[in-house]
Every structure is written in structure tokens, then in C-alpha cells.
Amino acid sequence: MEEPIPNVLVVGTGAPARHIGDALRNCGVRVDFVQELKSLLDDGAPHPAGIHMAGRSDLVLFAVDPDDTLESAMLLQRLLPKATPVVALQPGIRRLAWAAHAAPQLRWIRCVMGFDPAQPSSQRRTAKTNRKLYLSDTPQIRQWRSRLERAGFEVELCADMQSVQWGHLLLQLSALLVLASGLDYKQMLATRAWRLRYARLLDEALGLLAGTAIEPRNLLGVPWRTVPMMLRLNDALFSWLAARHFSGGGEGLPDLSRADEPSLELAIDATCGELMRLAVGLGADAPRTVDLAEQLMVIGRQQIEDRRLATTEW
């Protein structure tokens, strides 16, 4: 008997979901893209192509606008059977908790992408970047592992995805520092003053996490608590001993140099914002994180003004 073709519903227009959805479609999986769930509930209007399969989706990739997370999660629960697996591709950490609370009957799957889905495929091939997905280890996702691997992803199933999310967040801080420095990733790490700033940011973040039960996942080949010490080495020692642990880290980082204002605000909120909220919850301070966030907002406004002036002159 021929195995039925699985159905994937992509909700929203976020780059991560579109990237995974397109890759699955290219290897024979049926994938339907829906920008807004409200259209699926309007019984008086013609339904988009995905409506006939919304009630029997085998997997959902959830990447709606972050501001619509709660409403979209509740609408999705009305459309899908209980325990339908939903891979949450929202930026940051807390939004998944919001979605799971709003739609508890669905099976929410945490996901961290170890690469930048917005990076052109030609650049990924040149850099030989692996398309790695970290996913919650659940029975539903185990069934999808082989399909995701056939679609070109390296898949790691994790029992503690919160640890992975925080480890990824600590790595993403370096993307913000790259933007603040005006350098590229390798140049930023080659400049001791910026390495020291990264070390101090990590000290602050790790100090906050020490007040929780969270141990951030090692994503650089060394424990995160060793990283600030390595960053503080002088240039010669850093180049000789530590550079190999950081050399590949920049390939999976987003390029924020051309980000528009909403995208930059979202990137700041998903990193600095998470740390600041953690500090508030612990009754602590995070002055270095706050300082970086404020600096980046100034840089973002200046970038927008520069683009506006360039367009006007043209």
C-alpha cells in the first residue's frame, strides 16, 4: 500500500518557516502556505488553497508576526485536531510559552535554527554552512526526522530545548555586537576591545542564568562559562588557542547591517529583551545589556535616516 503524502501547513510569512517549508516541498512533501488564519475561518468567502487540508495537517510551521502570536495560536487550535504538532519559529524564548498557554491542546515544538535562513543559498554553499535544526525530542518529531534530513537539514533532537534556546541567545549577542562595532564578525573578534565587551556581556548574562535552573547549551565547543575567559586573552593567545572555537560561529548569525527598523527592534527584543526580562524577574540589574540595546536603537535610527537621505539624493 502506497504511503500517503504528508501535509504541512505553513502559517505566516517568517523566513524560517518559508525556508523549511520550501525545502520539504522540494523533496515531495505537500506544503500549503497561509499568511493569515482568519481567512480559513471566514465561511462566507472563497477559501485559499490551504483550507481543505488545515483540519488534517500532519505538521504546522508557525511563523506569524510576533505581535499576532496569541491570537493566531488560539485560531490555530480551533482549526486543528488535538495534539497536532506545531513547530514554533517565533523569535525569542517567551513567545512559545505564550502560544502554548493560548493553545494548550496543540503539541508545541521548540525549534532553534543553527543558521541564518535569510542568507542566500549561494553564500551558505560558499561558507559550507550546515543547515542545522535543534528540535524538541517528541514522538511526532521523530517521525519527521528522516524527511527533514532528506530535505537537507541536519537534525538534532533535544530533551532540554530551553538550554539550547539560551545557548543560541548568548551566541546571537555577538551579532548585535557586530552591528554595534561596524566591523564584520572576524574583525570584531580580532579587536580585543570588542572581545572584552562581549566577555562582559556574557558575564552579566551568565550571572543572571546562575539564578535559575538553566544551563545554556554549549554551541561553541567549550562551556559558556569558559568563553569570557577565552575572550579576555591577548590577541596572540586568542588567535592561537581560541579562534577555532569562534571561527564558524559567524556563519549562522543574521546580518543586521541592512535590517529595517521593525526587524532590528525584534532582534534586540529577542536577545537583550529576554535578558532584561530575566533580570527583572530575578530582581537584578543588567546595565551592560541595557546599554547595548540603547546603542543599537540609535544606530538603527541613523541607518534609516542614511537610507532616506540616499534615496532622496538619488
Protein backbone atom coordinates (compact mmCIF):
# COMPACT_ATOMS: atom_id res chain seq x y z
CA MET A 1 0.00 0.00 0.00
CA GLU A 2 1.37 3.37 -1.01
CA GLU A 3 2.27 5.68 1.87
CA PRO A 4 0.11 8.85 1.85
CA ILE A 5 1.84 12.13 1.14
CA PRO A 6 2.16 14.09 4.39
CA ASN A 7 0.66 17.57 4.68
CA VAL A 8 2.48 20.56 6.13
CA LEU A 9 0.77 23.85 6.85
CA VAL A 10 2.98 26.94 7.00
CA VAL A 11 1.31 29.76 8.92
CA GLY A 12 2.78 33.24 8.48
CA THR A 13 5.49 34.68 6.27
CA GLY A 14 8.55 34.41 8.52
CA ALA A 15 11.76 33.44 6.71
CA PRO A 16 12.44 30.36 8.92
CA ALA A 17 9.08 28.72 8.16
CA ARG A 18 9.23 29.54 4.46
CA HIS A 19 12.75 28.13 4.28
CA ILE A 20 11.81 24.82 5.91
CA GLY A 21 8.51 24.66 4.02
CA ASP A 22 10.16 25.15 0.63
CA ALA A 23 12.80 22.53 1.43
CA LEU A 24 10.15 19.96 2.40
CA ARG A 25 8.10 20.74 -0.71
CA ASN A 26 11.18 20.19 -2.88
CA CYS A 27 11.55 16.67 -1.51
CA GLY A 28 7.95 15.64 -2.17
CA VAL A 29 6.02 16.77 0.89
CA ARG A 30 2.79 18.65 0.29
CA VAL A 31 3.14 22.15 1.76
CA ASP A 32 0.47 24.86 1.90
CA PHE A 33 1.27 28.43 2.87
CA VAL A 34 -1.29 30.57 4.69
CA GLN A 35 -0.49 34.14 5.61
CA GLU A 36 -3.42 34.74 7.98
CA LEU A 37 -5.54 32.17 9.78
CA LYS A 38 -8.59 34.44 9.80
CA SER A 39 -9.08 33.66 6.11
CA LEU A 40 -9.56 29.97 6.98
CA LEU A 41 -12.40 30.77 9.37
CA ASP A 42 -14.40 33.01 7.04
CA ASP A 43 -17.09 30.58 5.94
CA GLY A 44 -18.77 33.14 3.74
CA ALA A 45 -15.82 33.70 1.43
CA PRO A 46 -13.85 31.52 -1.01
CA HIS A 47 -11.14 29.74 0.92
CA PRO A 48 -7.46 29.80 -0.01
CA ALA A 49 -5.76 26.66 -1.24
CA GLY A 50 -4.77 25.52 2.24
CA ILE A 51 -8.24 25.42 3.76
CA HIS A 52 -9.13 21.92 2.66
CA MET A 53 -6.11 20.50 4.44
CA ALA A 54 -6.00 22.73 7.50
CA GLY A 55 -8.06 20.27 9.51
CA ARG A 56 -5.76 17.35 8.73
CA SER A 57 -2.29 18.85 8.74
CA ASP A 58 0.40 16.40 9.83
CA LEU A 59 2.74 19.22 10.85
CA VAL A 60 2.44 23.00 11.22
CA LEU A 61 5.26 25.53 10.89
CA PHE A 62 4.23 28.56 12.92
CA ALA A 63 5.87 31.86 11.98
CA VAL A 64 3.26 34.59 12.28
CA ASP A 65 4.03 38.21 13.08
CA PRO A 66 5.24 38.22 16.72
CA ASP A 67 2.51 40.68 17.70
CA ASP A 68 -0.11 38.20 16.45
CA THR A 69 1.24 35.20 18.36
CA LEU A 70 -1.57 34.85 20.90
CA GLU A 71 -4.49 35.41 18.53
CA SER A 72 -3.01 33.15 15.84
CA ALA A 73 -2.32 30.36 18.33
CA MET A 74 -5.94 30.43 19.53
CA LEU A 75 -7.25 30.41 15.96
CA LEU A 76 -4.95 27.53 15.05
CA GLN A 77 -6.34 25.47 17.94
CA ARG A 78 -9.87 25.96 16.53
CA LEU A 79 -8.77 24.64 13.15
CA LEU A 80 -6.66 21.62 14.07
CA PRO A 81 -7.25 18.34 15.92
CA LYS A 82 -5.86 17.95 19.41
CA ALA A 83 -2.14 17.09 19.71
CA THR A 84 -1.30 18.32 16.20
CA PRO A 85 2.46 19.06 16.27
CA VAL A 86 3.26 22.75 15.75
CA VAL A 87 6.87 23.86 15.28
CA ALA A 88 7.15 27.34 16.79
CA LEU A 89 9.54 29.51 14.77
CA GLN A 90 8.89 32.73 16.65
CA PRO A 91 11.93 34.83 17.63
CA GLY A 92 12.98 34.87 21.27
CA ILE A 93 12.10 32.46 24.06
CA ARG A 94 8.96 33.68 25.80
CA ARG A 95 6.69 33.71 22.73
CA LEU A 96 6.49 29.93 22.66
CA ALA A 97 5.25 29.96 26.24
CA TRP A 98 2.59 32.47 25.22
CA ALA A 99 1.48 30.32 22.29
CA ALA A 100 1.42 27.12 24.33
CA HIS A 101 -0.65 28.82 27.03
CA ALA A 102 -3.09 30.22 24.46
CA ALA A 103 -3.49 26.87 22.64
CA PRO A 104 -2.72 24.09 25.13
CA GLN A 105 -4.43 21.37 23.09
CA LEU A 106 -1.79 21.55 20.36
CA ARG A 107 1.62 19.91 20.69
CA TRP A 108 4.09 22.81 20.60
CA ILE A 109 7.62 22.05 19.41
CA ARG A 110 10.56 24.29 20.20
CA CYS A 111 12.96 24.94 17.33
CA VAL A 112 16.32 26.69 17.04
CA MET A 113 17.91 27.18 13.63
CA GLY A 114 21.69 26.95 13.71
CA PHE A 115 21.98 29.05 10.54
CA ASP A 116 20.50 32.22 9.09
CA PRO A 117 17.53 31.23 6.88
CA ALA A 118 17.60 34.67 5.24
CA GLN A 119 21.14 34.10 3.94
CA PRO A 120 21.22 33.33 0.18
CA SER A 121 21.82 29.65 -0.53
CA SER A 122 24.85 30.52 -2.68
CA GLN A 123 26.53 32.14 0.34
CA ARG A 124 25.75 29.10 2.52
CA ARG A 125 27.33 26.80 -0.05
CA THR A 126 30.42 29.02 -0.25
CA ALA A 127 30.74 29.08 3.54
CA LYS A 128 29.86 25.34 3.72
CA THR A 129 27.38 26.13 6.46
CA ASN A 130 25.32 23.23 7.79
CA ARG A 131 21.57 23.78 7.93
CA LYS A 132 21.19 22.51 11.47
CA LEU A 133 17.86 22.31 13.27
CA TYR A 134 17.58 21.76 17.01
CA LEU A 135 14.09 20.41 17.80
CA SER A 136 12.22 19.17 20.85
CA ASP A 137 12.55 15.41 21.12
CA THR A 138 8.95 14.21 20.80
CA PRO A 139 7.39 11.13 19.14
CA GLN A 140 5.85 13.32 16.41
CA ILE A 141 9.14 14.98 15.51
CA ARG A 142 10.97 11.65 15.49
CA GLN A 143 8.62 10.62 12.69
CA TRP A 144 9.61 13.73 10.73
CA ARG A 145 13.34 13.46 11.27
CA SER A 146 14.10 11.42 8.15
CA ARG A 147 12.04 13.75 5.95
CA LEU A 148 13.81 16.81 7.32
CA GLU A 149 17.16 15.15 6.70
CA ARG A 150 16.14 14.30 3.13
CA ALA A 151 15.21 17.98 2.75
CA GLY A 152 18.83 18.89 3.52
CA PHE A 153 18.78 19.63 7.25
CA GLU A 154 21.00 18.28 9.96
CA VAL A 155 18.58 17.45 12.78
CA GLU A 156 19.35 17.17 16.48
CA LEU A 157 16.51 16.17 18.80
CA CYS A 158 16.94 17.66 22.26
CA ALA A 159 15.30 16.82 25.56
CA ASP A 160 16.16 20.26 27.00
CA MET A 161 15.35 22.83 24.34
CA GLN A 162 15.30 25.71 26.81
CA SER A 163 19.02 25.13 27.32
CA VAL A 164 19.54 25.25 23.55
CA GLN A 165 17.50 28.45 23.23
CA TRP A 166 19.56 30.23 25.85
CA GLY A 167 22.82 28.97 24.37
CA HIS A 168 21.69 30.28 20.99
CA LEU A 169 20.73 33.62 22.56
CA LEU A 170 24.24 34.02 24.03
CA LEU A 171 25.65 33.37 20.56
CA GLN A 172 23.24 35.86 18.99
CA LEU A 173 24.61 38.60 21.25
CA SER A 174 27.71 38.59 19.06
CA ALA A 175 25.57 39.51 16.02
CA LEU A 176 24.41 42.60 17.90
CA LEU A 177 27.99 43.46 18.77
CA VAL A 178 28.98 43.11 15.12
CA LEU A 179 26.39 45.75 14.24
CA ALA A 180 27.46 48.00 17.12
CA SER A 181 31.13 47.73 16.14
CA GLY A 182 30.66 48.48 12.44
CA LEU A 183 33.01 45.56 11.71
CA ASP A 184 32.39 42.09 10.37
CA TYR A 185 32.36 39.08 12.69
CA LYS A 186 36.02 38.13 12.30
CA GLN A 187 37.18 41.74 12.60
CA MET A 188 35.10 42.20 15.75
CA LEU A 189 36.69 39.16 17.37
CA ALA A 190 40.15 40.29 16.26
CA THR A 191 39.68 43.56 18.16
CA ARG A 192 40.37 42.99 21.85
CA ALA A 193 38.23 45.94 22.99
CA TRP A 194 35.15 44.34 21.37
CA ARG A 195 36.07 40.90 22.69
CA LEU A 196 36.21 42.38 26.18
CA ARG A 197 32.78 43.90 25.71
CA TYR A 198 31.41 40.54 24.60
CA ALA A 199 33.05 38.91 27.64
CA ARG A 200 31.40 41.41 29.99
CA LEU A 201 28.02 40.89 28.35
CA LEU A 202 28.40 37.14 28.79
CA ASP A 203 29.47 37.59 32.41
CA GLU A 204 26.28 39.55 33.02
CA ALA A 205 24.05 37.05 31.20
CA LEU A 206 25.63 34.01 32.84
CA GLY A 207 25.33 35.69 36.23
CA LEU A 208 21.59 36.08 35.64
CA LEU A 209 21.22 32.49 34.46
CA ALA A 210 23.03 31.32 37.58
CA GLY A 211 19.94 32.45 39.48
CA THR A 212 17.83 29.96 37.54
CA ALA A 213 17.97 26.24 36.83
CA ILE A 214 19.01 26.91 33.22
CA GLU A 215 22.42 25.78 31.97
CA PRO A 216 22.86 27.24 28.45
CA ARG A 217 23.80 24.70 25.80
CA ASN A 218 27.41 24.66 24.64
CA LEU A 219 27.33 25.75 20.98
CA LEU A 220 30.98 26.76 20.52
CA GLY A 221 32.74 23.56 21.53
CA VAL A 222 33.54 24.85 25.03
CA PRO A 223 31.31 25.52 28.07
CA TRP A 224 29.81 29.00 28.03
CA ARG A 225 31.40 29.81 31.38
CA THR A 226 34.82 29.32 29.79
CA VAL A 227 34.09 31.65 26.87
CA PRO A 228 34.56 35.01 28.71
CA MET A 229 37.99 33.86 29.89
CA MET A 230 38.96 32.96 26.32
CA LEU A 231 37.71 36.29 25.00
CA ARG A 232 39.94 38.12 27.50
CA LEU A 233 43.14 36.55 26.15
CA ASN A 234 45.55 38.86 24.36
CA ASP A 235 45.45 38.89 20.58
CA ALA A 236 48.27 36.37 20.07
CA LEU A 237 46.87 33.83 22.53
CA PHE A 238 43.31 34.28 21.31
CA SER A 239 44.39 33.71 17.70
CA TRP A 240 46.45 30.63 18.61
CA LEU A 241 44.26 28.97 21.21
CA ALA A 242 40.68 30.15 20.97
CA ALA A 243 39.93 31.38 17.46
CA ARG A 244 39.00 27.90 16.22
CA HIS A 245 36.07 27.81 18.63
CA PHE A 246 34.64 31.04 17.23
CA SER A 247 35.59 30.91 13.55
CA GLY A 248 32.43 29.08 12.47
CA GLY A 249 30.10 30.94 14.82
CA GLY A 250 29.66 33.89 12.50
CA GLU A 251 28.27 31.80 9.63
CA GLY A 252 24.94 31.22 11.35
CA LEU A 253 24.47 34.77 12.59
CA PRO A 254 21.97 37.13 10.96
CA ASP A 255 23.32 40.13 9.06
CA LEU A 256 21.68 43.09 10.79
CA SER A 257 23.51 45.78 8.84
CA ARG A 258 20.62 46.10 6.38
CA ALA A 259 17.77 45.31 8.77
CA ASP A 260 14.79 47.65 8.71
CA GLU A 261 13.57 49.22 11.96
CA PRO A 262 11.00 46.52 12.89
CA SER A 263 13.48 43.71 12.17
CA LEU A 264 16.18 45.34 14.25
CA GLU A 265 13.80 46.02 17.13
CA LEU A 266 12.73 42.37 17.01
CA ALA A 267 16.35 41.16 17.03
CA ILE A 268 17.12 43.36 20.04
CA ASP A 269 13.97 42.23 21.86
CA ALA A 270 14.73 38.54 21.19
CA THR A 271 18.19 38.85 22.78
CA CYS A 272 18.68 41.89 25.01
CA GLY A 273 14.96 41.97 25.80
CA GLU A 274 14.95 38.38 27.05
CA LEU A 275 17.92 39.10 29.32
CA MET A 276 16.36 42.29 30.67
CA ARG A 277 13.10 40.48 31.45
CA LEU A 278 15.07 37.73 33.17
CA ALA A 279 16.83 40.37 35.27
CA VAL A 280 13.53 41.98 36.26
CA GLY A 281 12.14 38.59 37.27
CA LEU A 282 15.17 37.96 39.46
CA GLY A 283 15.14 41.45 40.97
CA ALA A 284 18.56 42.12 39.42
CA ASP A 285 20.08 44.63 37.00
CA ALA A 286 21.56 44.17 33.52
CA PRO A 287 23.27 47.51 32.77
CA ARG A 288 25.57 46.22 30.02
CA THR A 289 22.66 44.62 28.18
CA VAL A 290 20.58 47.78 28.51
CA ASP A 291 23.49 49.88 27.24
CA LEU A 292 23.88 47.66 24.15
CA ALA A 293 20.16 47.78 23.39
CA GLU A 294 20.09 51.58 23.64
CA GLN A 295 23.17 51.93 21.45
CA LEU A 296 21.68 49.68 18.79
CA MET A 297 18.44 51.62 18.67
CA VAL A 298 20.44 54.80 17.99
CA ILE A 299 22.40 53.01 15.27
CA GLY A 300 19.18 51.71 13.75
CA ARG A 301 17.62 55.16 13.59
CA GLN A 302 20.79 56.52 11.98
CA GLN A 303 20.80 53.74 9.38
CA ILE A 304 17.21 54.52 8.46
CA GLU A 305 17.99 58.23 8.15
CA ASP A 306 21.04 57.50 5.98
CA ARG A 307 18.94 55.33 3.65
CA ARG A 308 16.26 58.01 3.45
CA LEU A 309 18.84 60.65 2.53
CA ALA A 310 20.46 58.35 -0.04
CA THR A 311 17.06 57.73 -1.66
CA THR A 312 16.27 61.46 -1.69
CA GLU A 313 19.59 62.33 -3.31
CA TRP A 314 19.11 59.66 -5.95
